Amino acid sequence: MTAITAKVCVIGDFAVGKTSTIERFVTNQFSEKYLTTVGVKIDTKEVLLAAMGVNLKLVIWDVAGTERFGALEFSYLRGAAGYILVADGTRSPTVRAALNLRDQAAERYGDLPFVFLMNKSDLRSSWDVDERKLSEVREVGQDVYETSAKTGEEVENAILRLAERIVRRELSA
């Protein structure tokens, strides 16, 4: 079994559910309390990708919410093997912010593997992101996972998909 360690950053606008999503993935818990991330919060989780013969240790950097990177946020992304892009389905401007962050990350660090999470699927009736907007995001080659940190819906599937992409890239390098 091959062991790999990979840094993954979680990026997106303020209050889209980045910290809650990572808490759900790492500990399978959810808290209704809203805590603003200041700077960066780091967690780890090992995932076994048995079909690939890899044990992957994810070092997850939960970066404070922003709609545009500054020097500090760029420094957090340095050395990342991939990232998780999070938007809030109940606030459509967070989709544009996420796509802007994706463009900035690609410009600075190249074509890193990532997944796009449209969070808060448990509040689907309150979404102001319509299917047309999701189709536009998908048309530019993005996998969009409709996730809920609260219920856990699709969180693990999305992050495991990112893990597979990271491992494929690492093994082919």
N, C-alpha and C. Protein backbone atom coordinates (compact mmCIF):
# COMPACT_ATOMS: atom_id res chain seq x y z
N MET A 1 0.86 -1.18 0.00
CA MET A 1 0.00 0.00 0.00
C MET A 1 0.90 1.24 0.00
N THR A 2 0.68 2.13 -0.94
CA THR A 2 1.43 3.37 -1.03
C THR A 2 0.83 4.40 -0.08
N ALA A 3 1.68 5.13 0.63
CA ALA A 3 1.20 6.20 1.53
C ALA A 3 1.58 7.55 0.92
N ILE A 4 0.60 8.42 0.83
CA ILE A 4 0.80 9.76 0.27
C ILE A 4 0.18 10.77 1.24
N THR A 5 0.84 11.91 1.39
CA THR A 5 0.29 13.03 2.16
C THR A 5 0.06 14.17 1.19
N ALA A 6 -1.11 14.80 1.29
CA ALA A 6 -1.44 15.89 0.38
C ALA A 6 -2.14 17.03 1.11
N LYS A 7 -1.69 18.23 0.83
CA LYS A 7 -2.31 19.44 1.35
C LYS A 7 -3.47 19.82 0.44
N VAL A 8 -4.63 20.06 1.05
CA VAL A 8 -5.83 20.47 0.32
C VAL A 8 -6.36 21.73 0.99
N CYS A 9 -6.66 22.75 0.20
CA CYS A 9 -7.23 23.98 0.74
C CYS A 9 -8.72 24.04 0.46
N VAL A 10 -9.46 24.62 1.39
CA VAL A 10 -10.89 24.82 1.23
C VAL A 10 -11.10 26.32 1.08
N ILE A 11 -11.67 26.72 -0.06
CA ILE A 11 -11.81 28.14 -0.35
C ILE A 11 -13.24 28.47 -0.77
N GLY A 12 -13.62 29.71 -0.54
CA GLY A 12 -14.94 30.20 -0.90
C GLY A 12 -15.22 31.48 -0.14
N ASP A 13 -16.37 32.06 -0.40
CA ASP A 13 -16.77 33.31 0.22
C ASP A 13 -17.11 33.07 1.71
N PHE A 14 -17.41 34.14 2.41
CA PHE A 14 -17.78 34.07 3.82
C PHE A 14 -19.09 33.29 3.99
N ALA A 15 -19.18 32.50 5.04
CA ALA A 15 -20.41 31.84 5.49
C ALA A 15 -21.06 30.92 4.45
N VAL A 16 -20.24 30.26 3.63
CA VAL A 16 -20.80 29.31 2.68
C VAL A 16 -20.84 27.89 3.24
N GLY A 17 -20.20 27.69 4.40
CA GLY A 17 -20.21 26.38 5.04
C GLY A 17 -18.91 25.61 4.89
N LYS A 18 -17.81 26.29 4.65
CA LYS A 18 -16.52 25.61 4.49
C LYS A 18 -16.14 24.83 5.74
N THR A 19 -16.14 25.50 6.88
CA THR A 19 -15.73 24.86 8.14
C THR A 19 -16.68 23.73 8.51
N SER A 20 -17.98 23.95 8.35
CA SER A 20 -18.96 22.91 8.66
C SER A 20 -18.80 21.70 7.75
N THR A 21 -18.48 21.93 6.49
CA THR A 21 -18.28 20.83 5.55
C THR A 21 -17.08 19.99 5.96
N ILE A 22 -16.01 20.65 6.34
CA ILE A 22 -14.81 19.91 6.75
C ILE A 22 -15.05 19.19 8.07
N GLU A 23 -15.75 19.83 8.98
CA GLU A 23 -16.10 19.18 10.25
C GLU A 23 -16.93 17.92 9.98
N ARG A 24 -17.87 18.01 9.05
CA ARG A 24 -18.69 16.84 8.68
C ARG A 24 -17.80 15.74 8.11
N PHE A 25 -16.87 16.09 7.24
CA PHE A 25 -15.99 15.10 6.61
C PHE A 25 -15.04 14.46 7.62
N VAL A 26 -14.43 15.28 8.46
CA VAL A 26 -13.39 14.78 9.37
C VAL A 26 -13.99 14.04 10.57
N THR A 27 -15.05 14.59 11.18
CA THR A 27 -15.58 14.00 12.41
C THR A 27 -17.01 13.48 12.29
N ASN A 28 -17.62 13.68 11.11
CA ASN A 28 -19.02 13.32 10.87
C ASN A 28 -19.97 14.01 11.86
N GLN A 29 -19.65 15.26 12.18
CA GLN A 29 -20.50 16.04 13.09
C GLN A 29 -20.86 17.37 12.43
N PHE A 30 -21.93 17.98 12.95
CA PHE A 30 -22.38 19.29 12.48
C PHE A 30 -22.82 20.09 13.69
N SER A 31 -22.46 21.36 13.71
CA SER A 31 -22.90 22.25 14.77
C SER A 31 -23.67 23.41 14.16
N GLU A 32 -24.74 23.79 14.82
CA GLU A 32 -25.54 24.94 14.36
C GLU A 32 -24.84 26.27 14.66
N LYS A 33 -23.83 26.23 15.55
CA LYS A 33 -23.11 27.45 15.91
C LYS A 33 -22.27 27.93 14.75
N TYR A 34 -22.36 29.21 14.45
CA TYR A 34 -21.54 29.78 13.39
C TYR A 34 -20.29 30.38 14.00
N LEU A 35 -19.14 29.88 13.56
CA LEU A 35 -17.86 30.41 14.02
C LEU A 35 -17.08 30.86 12.80
N THR A 36 -16.71 32.12 12.77
CA THR A 36 -15.93 32.64 11.66
C THR A 36 -14.50 32.14 11.77
N THR A 37 -13.98 31.63 10.66
CA THR A 37 -12.58 31.21 10.62
C THR A 37 -11.71 32.45 10.46
N VAL A 38 -10.72 32.57 11.31
CA VAL A 38 -9.77 33.67 11.21
C VAL A 38 -8.46 33.06 10.72
N GLY A 39 -7.98 33.52 9.58
CA GLY A 39 -6.74 32.97 9.03
C GLY A 39 -6.99 31.61 8.40
N VAL A 40 -6.51 30.57 9.06
CA VAL A 40 -6.66 29.22 8.54
C VAL A 40 -6.81 28.25 9.70
N LYS A 41 -7.62 27.21 9.49
CA LYS A 41 -7.79 26.13 10.47
C LYS A 41 -7.35 24.84 9.76
N ILE A 42 -6.52 24.06 10.42
CA ILE A 42 -5.96 22.87 9.77
C ILE A 42 -6.48 21.60 10.46
N ASP A 43 -6.98 20.66 9.64
CA ASP A 43 -7.43 19.35 10.09
C ASP A 43 -6.74 18.29 9.24
N THR A 44 -6.77 17.06 9.71
CA THR A 44 -6.24 15.96 8.90
C THR A 44 -7.22 14.80 8.92
N LYS A 45 -7.19 14.04 7.83
CA LYS A 45 -7.98 12.81 7.78
C LYS A 45 -7.31 11.88 6.77
N GLU A 46 -7.20 10.62 7.17
CA GLU A 46 -6.66 9.61 6.26
C GLU A 46 -7.81 8.92 5.56
N VAL A 47 -7.63 8.72 4.27
CA VAL A 47 -8.63 8.00 3.48
C VAL A 47 -7.93 6.86 2.75
N LEU A 48 -8.56 5.73 2.74
CA LEU A 48 -8.03 4.56 2.05
C LEU A 48 -8.68 4.49 0.68
N LEU A 49 -7.86 4.58 -0.35
CA LEU A 49 -8.34 4.42 -1.72
C LEU A 49 -7.88 3.04 -2.17
N ALA A 50 -8.61 2.02 -1.71
CA ALA A 50 -8.20 0.63 -1.89
C ALA A 50 -8.02 0.26 -3.36
N ALA A 51 -8.91 0.71 -4.21
CA ALA A 51 -8.82 0.37 -5.64
C ALA A 51 -7.54 0.90 -6.27
N MET A 52 -6.99 1.97 -5.67
CA MET A 52 -5.76 2.57 -6.20
C MET A 52 -4.54 2.10 -5.41
N GLY A 53 -4.77 1.35 -4.32
CA GLY A 53 -3.67 0.88 -3.50
C GLY A 53 -2.96 1.99 -2.76
N VAL A 54 -3.75 2.99 -2.32
CA VAL A 54 -3.15 4.18 -1.69
C VAL A 54 -3.87 4.51 -0.39
N ASN A 55 -3.05 4.83 0.61
CA ASN A 55 -3.56 5.42 1.84
C ASN A 55 -3.17 6.89 1.77
N LEU A 56 -4.15 7.76 1.67
CA LEU A 56 -3.91 9.19 1.48
C LEU A 56 -4.22 9.95 2.76
N LYS A 57 -3.22 10.67 3.26
CA LYS A 57 -3.43 11.54 4.41
C LYS A 57 -3.70 12.94 3.86
N LEU A 58 -4.91 13.42 4.07
CA LEU A 58 -5.28 14.77 3.65
C LEU A 58 -4.99 15.74 4.79
N VAL A 59 -4.21 16.75 4.51
CA VAL A 59 -3.98 17.85 5.44
C VAL A 59 -4.82 18.99 4.89
N ILE A 60 -5.93 19.26 5.56
CA ILE A 60 -6.96 20.16 5.03
C ILE A 60 -6.83 21.54 5.66
N TRP A 61 -6.56 22.53 4.83
CA TRP A 61 -6.43 23.92 5.25
C TRP A 61 -7.74 24.63 4.95
N ASP A 62 -8.49 24.93 5.98
CA ASP A 62 -9.76 25.66 5.88
C ASP A 62 -9.44 27.15 5.94
N VAL A 63 -9.44 27.80 4.79
CA VAL A 63 -9.02 29.20 4.67
C VAL A 63 -10.21 30.13 4.92
N ALA A 64 -9.97 31.20 5.68
CA ALA A 64 -11.02 32.18 5.98
C ALA A 64 -11.69 32.64 4.69
N GLY A 65 -13.00 32.85 4.77
CA GLY A 65 -13.79 33.24 3.61
C GLY A 65 -13.36 34.55 2.99
N THR A 66 -13.34 34.56 1.67
CA THR A 66 -13.02 35.77 0.92
C THR A 66 -13.57 35.62 -0.48
N GLU A 67 -13.84 36.74 -1.12
CA GLU A 67 -14.27 36.66 -2.51
C GLU A 67 -13.12 36.95 -3.47
N ARG A 68 -11.98 37.35 -2.91
CA ARG A 68 -10.80 37.66 -3.72
C ARG A 68 -9.55 37.39 -2.88
N PHE A 69 -8.56 36.70 -3.46
CA PHE A 69 -7.34 36.40 -2.74
C PHE A 69 -6.45 37.63 -2.59
N GLY A 70 -5.86 37.75 -1.41
CA GLY A 70 -4.78 38.70 -1.16
C GLY A 70 -3.51 37.88 -0.99
N ALA A 71 -2.43 38.55 -0.63
CA ALA A 71 -1.14 37.88 -0.47
C ALA A 71 -1.20 36.75 0.56
N LEU A 72 -1.93 36.99 1.66
CA LEU A 72 -2.01 35.98 2.72
C LEU A 72 -2.71 34.71 2.22
N GLU A 73 -3.84 34.88 1.56
CA GLU A 73 -4.58 33.71 1.07
C GLU A 73 -3.75 32.95 0.03
N PHE A 74 -3.04 33.68 -0.85
CA PHE A 74 -2.18 33.02 -1.82
C PHE A 74 -1.11 32.20 -1.11
N SER A 75 -0.58 32.72 0.00
CA SER A 75 0.46 31.98 0.71
C SER A 75 -0.10 30.69 1.30
N TYR A 76 -1.37 30.69 1.72
CA TYR A 76 -1.99 29.46 2.24
C TYR A 76 -2.09 28.39 1.16
N LEU A 77 -2.32 28.80 -0.08
CA LEU A 77 -2.48 27.84 -1.17
C LEU A 77 -1.15 27.25 -1.65
N ARG A 78 -0.05 27.91 -1.33
CA ARG A 78 1.25 27.43 -1.79
C ARG A 78 1.47 25.99 -1.33
N GLY A 79 1.84 25.14 -2.25
CA GLY A 79 2.11 23.74 -1.93
C GLY A 79 0.89 22.84 -1.90
N ALA A 80 -0.27 23.37 -2.19
CA ALA A 80 -1.49 22.55 -2.18
C ALA A 80 -1.50 21.59 -3.36
N ALA A 81 -1.98 20.37 -3.11
CA ALA A 81 -2.12 19.37 -4.16
C ALA A 81 -3.47 19.49 -4.85
N GLY A 82 -4.39 20.24 -4.21
CA GLY A 82 -5.73 20.42 -4.76
C GLY A 82 -6.53 21.30 -3.82
N TYR A 83 -7.78 21.57 -4.21
CA TYR A 83 -8.61 22.40 -3.36
C TYR A 83 -10.09 22.07 -3.52
N ILE A 84 -10.83 22.50 -2.51
CA ILE A 84 -12.28 22.34 -2.47
C ILE A 84 -12.87 23.74 -2.56
N LEU A 85 -13.66 23.96 -3.57
CA LEU A 85 -14.28 25.25 -3.82
C LEU A 85 -15.72 25.16 -3.33
N VAL A 86 -16.14 26.07 -2.43
CA VAL A 86 -17.46 25.98 -1.83
C VAL A 86 -18.27 27.24 -2.10
N ALA A 87 -19.52 27.05 -2.51
CA ALA A 87 -20.47 28.15 -2.68
C ALA A 87 -21.74 27.77 -1.93
N ASP A 88 -22.59 28.75 -1.69
CA ASP A 88 -23.82 28.59 -0.92
C ASP A 88 -25.01 28.70 -1.87
N GLY A 89 -25.76 27.63 -2.00
CA GLY A 89 -26.92 27.62 -2.90
C GLY A 89 -27.98 28.66 -2.57
N THR A 90 -28.00 29.15 -1.33
CA THR A 90 -29.00 30.16 -0.95
C THR A 90 -28.53 31.58 -1.26
N ARG A 91 -27.27 31.72 -1.72
CA ARG A 91 -26.71 33.06 -2.02
C ARG A 91 -25.95 32.99 -3.34
N SER A 92 -26.62 33.31 -4.43
CA SER A 92 -26.00 33.16 -5.75
C SER A 92 -24.72 33.96 -5.95
N PRO A 93 -24.52 35.13 -5.30
CA PRO A 93 -23.23 35.82 -5.50
C PRO A 93 -22.02 34.99 -5.05
N THR A 94 -22.23 34.00 -4.18
CA THR A 94 -21.11 33.18 -3.73
C THR A 94 -20.60 32.25 -4.84
N VAL A 95 -21.45 31.99 -5.85
CA VAL A 95 -21.01 31.18 -6.99
C VAL A 95 -20.00 31.98 -7.79
N ARG A 96 -20.30 33.23 -8.08
CA ARG A 96 -19.38 34.09 -8.82
C ARG A 96 -18.08 34.25 -8.03
N ALA A 97 -18.19 34.44 -6.72
CA ALA A 97 -16.99 34.58 -5.88
C ALA A 97 -16.14 33.31 -5.98
N ALA A 98 -16.77 32.14 -5.91
CA ALA A 98 -16.04 30.87 -6.00
C ALA A 98 -15.34 30.73 -7.35
N LEU A 99 -16.04 31.09 -8.41
CA LEU A 99 -15.43 30.97 -9.74
C LEU A 99 -14.28 31.96 -9.90
N ASN A 100 -14.40 33.14 -9.30
CA ASN A 100 -13.28 34.10 -9.32
C ASN A 100 -12.08 33.54 -8.57
N LEU A 101 -12.32 32.92 -7.41
CA LEU A 101 -11.23 32.32 -6.64
C LEU A 101 -10.57 31.19 -7.44
N ARG A 102 -11.39 30.41 -8.12
CA ARG A 102 -10.85 29.33 -8.97
C ARG A 102 -9.93 29.92 -10.04
N ASP A 103 -10.38 30.99 -10.69
CA ASP A 103 -9.57 31.62 -11.73
C ASP A 103 -8.26 32.17 -11.17
N GLN A 104 -8.33 32.79 -9.99
CA GLN A 104 -7.12 33.32 -9.37
C GLN A 104 -6.15 32.19 -8.99
N ALA A 105 -6.68 31.11 -8.44
CA ALA A 105 -5.83 29.97 -8.05
C ALA A 105 -5.17 29.36 -9.29
N ALA A 106 -5.92 29.21 -10.37
CA ALA A 106 -5.38 28.63 -11.59
C ALA A 106 -4.30 29.53 -12.19
N GLU A 107 -4.52 30.83 -12.15
CA GLU A 107 -3.55 31.76 -12.70
C GLU A 107 -2.23 31.70 -11.93
N ARG A 108 -2.32 31.56 -10.62
CA ARG A 108 -1.13 31.58 -9.77
C ARG A 108 -0.45 30.22 -9.64
N TYR A 109 -1.26 29.13 -9.54
CA TYR A 109 -0.70 27.82 -9.23
C TYR A 109 -0.95 26.75 -10.30
N GLY A 110 -1.54 27.14 -11.41
CA GLY A 110 -1.76 26.19 -12.49
C GLY A 110 -3.01 25.35 -12.30
N ASP A 111 -3.04 24.25 -13.01
CA ASP A 111 -4.23 23.41 -13.09
C ASP A 111 -4.26 22.37 -11.97
N LEU A 112 -4.59 22.82 -10.76
CA LEU A 112 -4.68 21.90 -9.62
C LEU A 112 -6.04 21.18 -9.63
N PRO A 113 -6.06 19.92 -9.19
CA PRO A 113 -7.35 19.23 -9.06
C PRO A 113 -8.23 19.94 -8.04
N PHE A 114 -9.52 19.99 -8.31
CA PHE A 114 -10.46 20.57 -7.34
C PHE A 114 -11.85 20.00 -7.55
N VAL A 115 -12.71 20.21 -6.57
CA VAL A 115 -14.13 19.90 -6.69
C VAL A 115 -14.91 21.15 -6.28
N PHE A 116 -16.07 21.31 -6.89
CA PHE A 116 -16.94 22.45 -6.62
C PHE A 116 -18.14 21.96 -5.82
N LEU A 117 -18.30 22.47 -4.60
CA LEU A 117 -19.42 22.08 -3.75
C LEU A 117 -20.45 23.21 -3.72
N MET A 118 -21.66 22.90 -4.16
CA MET A 118 -22.78 23.83 -4.00
C MET A 118 -23.45 23.39 -2.71
N ASN A 119 -23.15 24.12 -1.64
CA ASN A 119 -23.51 23.70 -0.31
C ASN A 119 -24.93 24.14 0.08
N LYS A 120 -25.40 23.55 1.15
CA LYS A 120 -26.70 23.82 1.76
C LYS A 120 -27.86 23.21 0.96
N SER A 121 -27.63 22.01 0.45
CA SER A 121 -28.70 21.31 -0.28
C SER A 121 -29.89 20.98 0.61
N ASP A 122 -29.68 20.98 1.92
CA ASP A 122 -30.79 20.77 2.85
C ASP A 122 -31.76 21.95 2.84
N LEU A 123 -31.33 23.07 2.29
CA LEU A 123 -32.17 24.27 2.18
C LEU A 123 -32.57 24.51 0.73
N ARG A 124 -32.69 23.45 -0.05
CA ARG A 124 -32.96 23.55 -1.49
C ARG A 124 -34.13 24.46 -1.81
N SER A 125 -35.16 24.45 -0.99
CA SER A 125 -36.33 25.30 -1.27
C SER A 125 -36.00 26.79 -1.14
N SER A 126 -34.89 27.12 -0.50
CA SER A 126 -34.47 28.51 -0.35
C SER A 126 -33.34 28.91 -1.31
N TRP A 127 -32.94 28.01 -2.18
CA TRP A 127 -31.84 28.32 -3.09
C TRP A 127 -32.24 29.44 -4.04
N ASP A 128 -31.28 30.31 -4.30
CA ASP A 128 -31.50 31.27 -5.37
C ASP A 128 -30.51 31.03 -6.52
N VAL A 129 -29.83 29.87 -6.47
CA VAL A 129 -29.01 29.41 -7.59
C VAL A 129 -29.90 28.43 -8.35
N ASP A 130 -30.21 28.79 -9.60
CA ASP A 130 -31.10 27.92 -10.35
C ASP A 130 -30.32 26.90 -11.18
N GLU A 131 -31.04 25.99 -11.77
CA GLU A 131 -30.43 24.91 -12.55
C GLU A 131 -29.65 25.45 -13.74
N ARG A 132 -30.11 26.59 -14.30
CA ARG A 132 -29.41 27.21 -15.42
C ARG A 132 -27.99 27.61 -15.02
N LYS A 133 -27.86 28.21 -13.84
CA LYS A 133 -26.54 28.62 -13.35
C LYS A 133 -25.65 27.40 -13.08
N LEU A 134 -26.23 26.37 -12.49
CA LEU A 134 -25.47 25.14 -12.25
C LEU A 134 -25.03 24.52 -13.58
N SER A 135 -25.88 24.57 -14.59
CA SER A 135 -25.53 24.04 -15.91
C SER A 135 -24.38 24.82 -16.52
N GLU A 136 -24.39 26.14 -16.34
CA GLU A 136 -23.29 26.98 -16.85
C GLU A 136 -21.97 26.57 -16.20
N VAL A 137 -22.00 26.32 -14.89
CA VAL A 137 -20.79 25.92 -14.18
C VAL A 137 -20.33 24.55 -14.69
N ARG A 138 -21.27 23.64 -14.88
CA ARG A 138 -20.93 22.30 -15.38
C ARG A 138 -20.38 22.36 -16.81
N GLU A 139 -20.91 23.27 -17.63
CA GLU A 139 -20.50 23.37 -19.03
C GLU A 139 -19.03 23.76 -19.18
N VAL A 140 -18.47 24.46 -18.20
CA VAL A 140 -17.05 24.82 -18.31
C VAL A 140 -16.17 23.73 -17.68
N GLY A 141 -16.74 22.53 -17.56
CA GLY A 141 -15.96 21.38 -17.15
C GLY A 141 -15.88 21.13 -15.66
N GLN A 142 -16.74 21.72 -14.88
CA GLN A 142 -16.70 21.54 -13.44
C GLN A 142 -17.67 20.45 -13.01
N ASP A 143 -17.19 19.57 -12.13
CA ASP A 143 -18.10 18.66 -11.44
C ASP A 143 -18.70 19.48 -10.32
N VAL A 144 -20.02 19.52 -10.24
CA VAL A 144 -20.68 20.26 -9.17
C VAL A 144 -21.37 19.24 -8.27
N TYR A 145 -21.00 19.25 -7.00
CA TYR A 145 -21.63 18.38 -6.02
C TYR A 145 -22.57 19.21 -5.19
N GLU A 146 -23.83 18.79 -5.12
CA GLU A 146 -24.81 19.49 -4.29
C GLU A 146 -24.73 18.86 -2.90
N THR A 147 -24.11 19.61 -1.98
CA THR A 147 -23.76 19.06 -0.67
C THR A 147 -24.54 19.73 0.46
N SER A 148 -24.55 19.05 1.60
CA SER A 148 -25.08 19.62 2.83
C SER A 148 -24.16 19.22 3.97
N ALA A 149 -23.53 20.22 4.58
CA ALA A 149 -22.72 19.93 5.77
C ALA A 149 -23.62 19.46 6.90
N LYS A 150 -24.85 19.95 6.90
CA LYS A 150 -25.78 19.59 7.98
C LYS A 150 -26.17 18.11 7.93
N THR A 151 -26.54 17.61 6.75
CA THR A 151 -26.98 16.21 6.64
C THR A 151 -25.86 15.28 6.21
N GLY A 152 -24.80 15.85 5.65
CA GLY A 152 -23.70 15.04 5.14
C GLY A 152 -23.86 14.67 3.68
N GLU A 153 -24.98 15.02 3.08
CA GLU A 153 -25.24 14.66 1.69
C GLU A 153 -24.08 15.04 0.77
N GLU A 154 -23.54 14.04 0.08
CA GLU A 154 -22.51 14.17 -0.96
C GLU A 154 -21.16 14.72 -0.49
N VAL A 155 -21.00 15.05 0.79
CA VAL A 155 -19.74 15.63 1.26
C VAL A 155 -18.60 14.63 1.07
N GLU A 156 -18.76 13.43 1.59
CA GLU A 156 -17.69 12.44 1.48
C GLU A 156 -17.43 12.06 0.03
N ASN A 157 -18.48 11.87 -0.76
CA ASN A 157 -18.30 11.51 -2.17
C ASN A 157 -17.47 12.55 -2.90
N ALA A 158 -17.77 13.83 -2.68
CA ALA A 158 -17.06 14.91 -3.36
C ALA A 158 -15.58 14.93 -2.97
N ILE A 159 -15.31 14.82 -1.68
CA ILE A 159 -13.92 14.91 -1.22
C ILE A 159 -13.13 13.66 -1.62
N LEU A 160 -13.77 12.50 -1.62
CA LEU A 160 -13.10 11.29 -2.10
C LEU A 160 -12.80 11.38 -3.59
N ARG A 161 -13.68 12.03 -4.34
CA ARG A 161 -13.41 12.25 -5.77
C ARG A 161 -12.17 13.12 -5.95
N LEU A 162 -12.06 14.17 -5.13
CA LEU A 162 -10.88 15.01 -5.18
C LEU A 162 -9.64 14.20 -4.80
N ALA A 163 -9.76 13.37 -3.78
CA ALA A 163 -8.63 12.54 -3.34
C ALA A 163 -8.14 11.65 -4.48
N GLU A 164 -9.06 11.06 -5.23
CA GLU A 164 -8.68 10.22 -6.37
C GLU A 164 -7.94 11.03 -7.42
N ARG A 165 -8.41 12.23 -7.70
CA ARG A 165 -7.75 13.09 -8.69
C ARG A 165 -6.34 13.46 -8.25
N ILE A 166 -6.20 13.75 -6.96
CA ILE A 166 -4.88 14.10 -6.43
C ILE A 166 -3.93 12.92 -6.56
N VAL A 167 -4.39 11.73 -6.19
CA VAL A 167 -3.55 10.54 -6.25
C VAL A 167 -3.14 10.25 -7.71
N ARG A 168 -4.09 10.34 -8.63
CA ARG A 168 -3.75 10.11 -10.04
C ARG A 168 -2.66 11.06 -10.50
N ARG A 169 -2.80 12.31 -10.10
CA ARG A 169 -1.80 13.32 -10.49
C ARG A 169 -0.45 13.03 -9.84
N GLU A 170 -0.46 12.68 -8.54
CA GLU A 170 0.78 12.38 -7.83
C GLU A 170 1.49 11.16 -8.42
N LEU A 171 0.74 10.13 -8.75
CA LEU A 171 1.34 8.90 -9.26
C LEU A 171 1.85 9.04 -10.69
N SER A 172 1.28 9.99 -11.43
CA SER A 172 1.73 10.18 -12.82
C SER A 172 2.87 11.19 -12.93
N ALA A 173 3.19 11.85 -11.82
CA ALA A 173 4.26 12.88 -11.86
C ALA A 173 5.63 12.26 -11.87
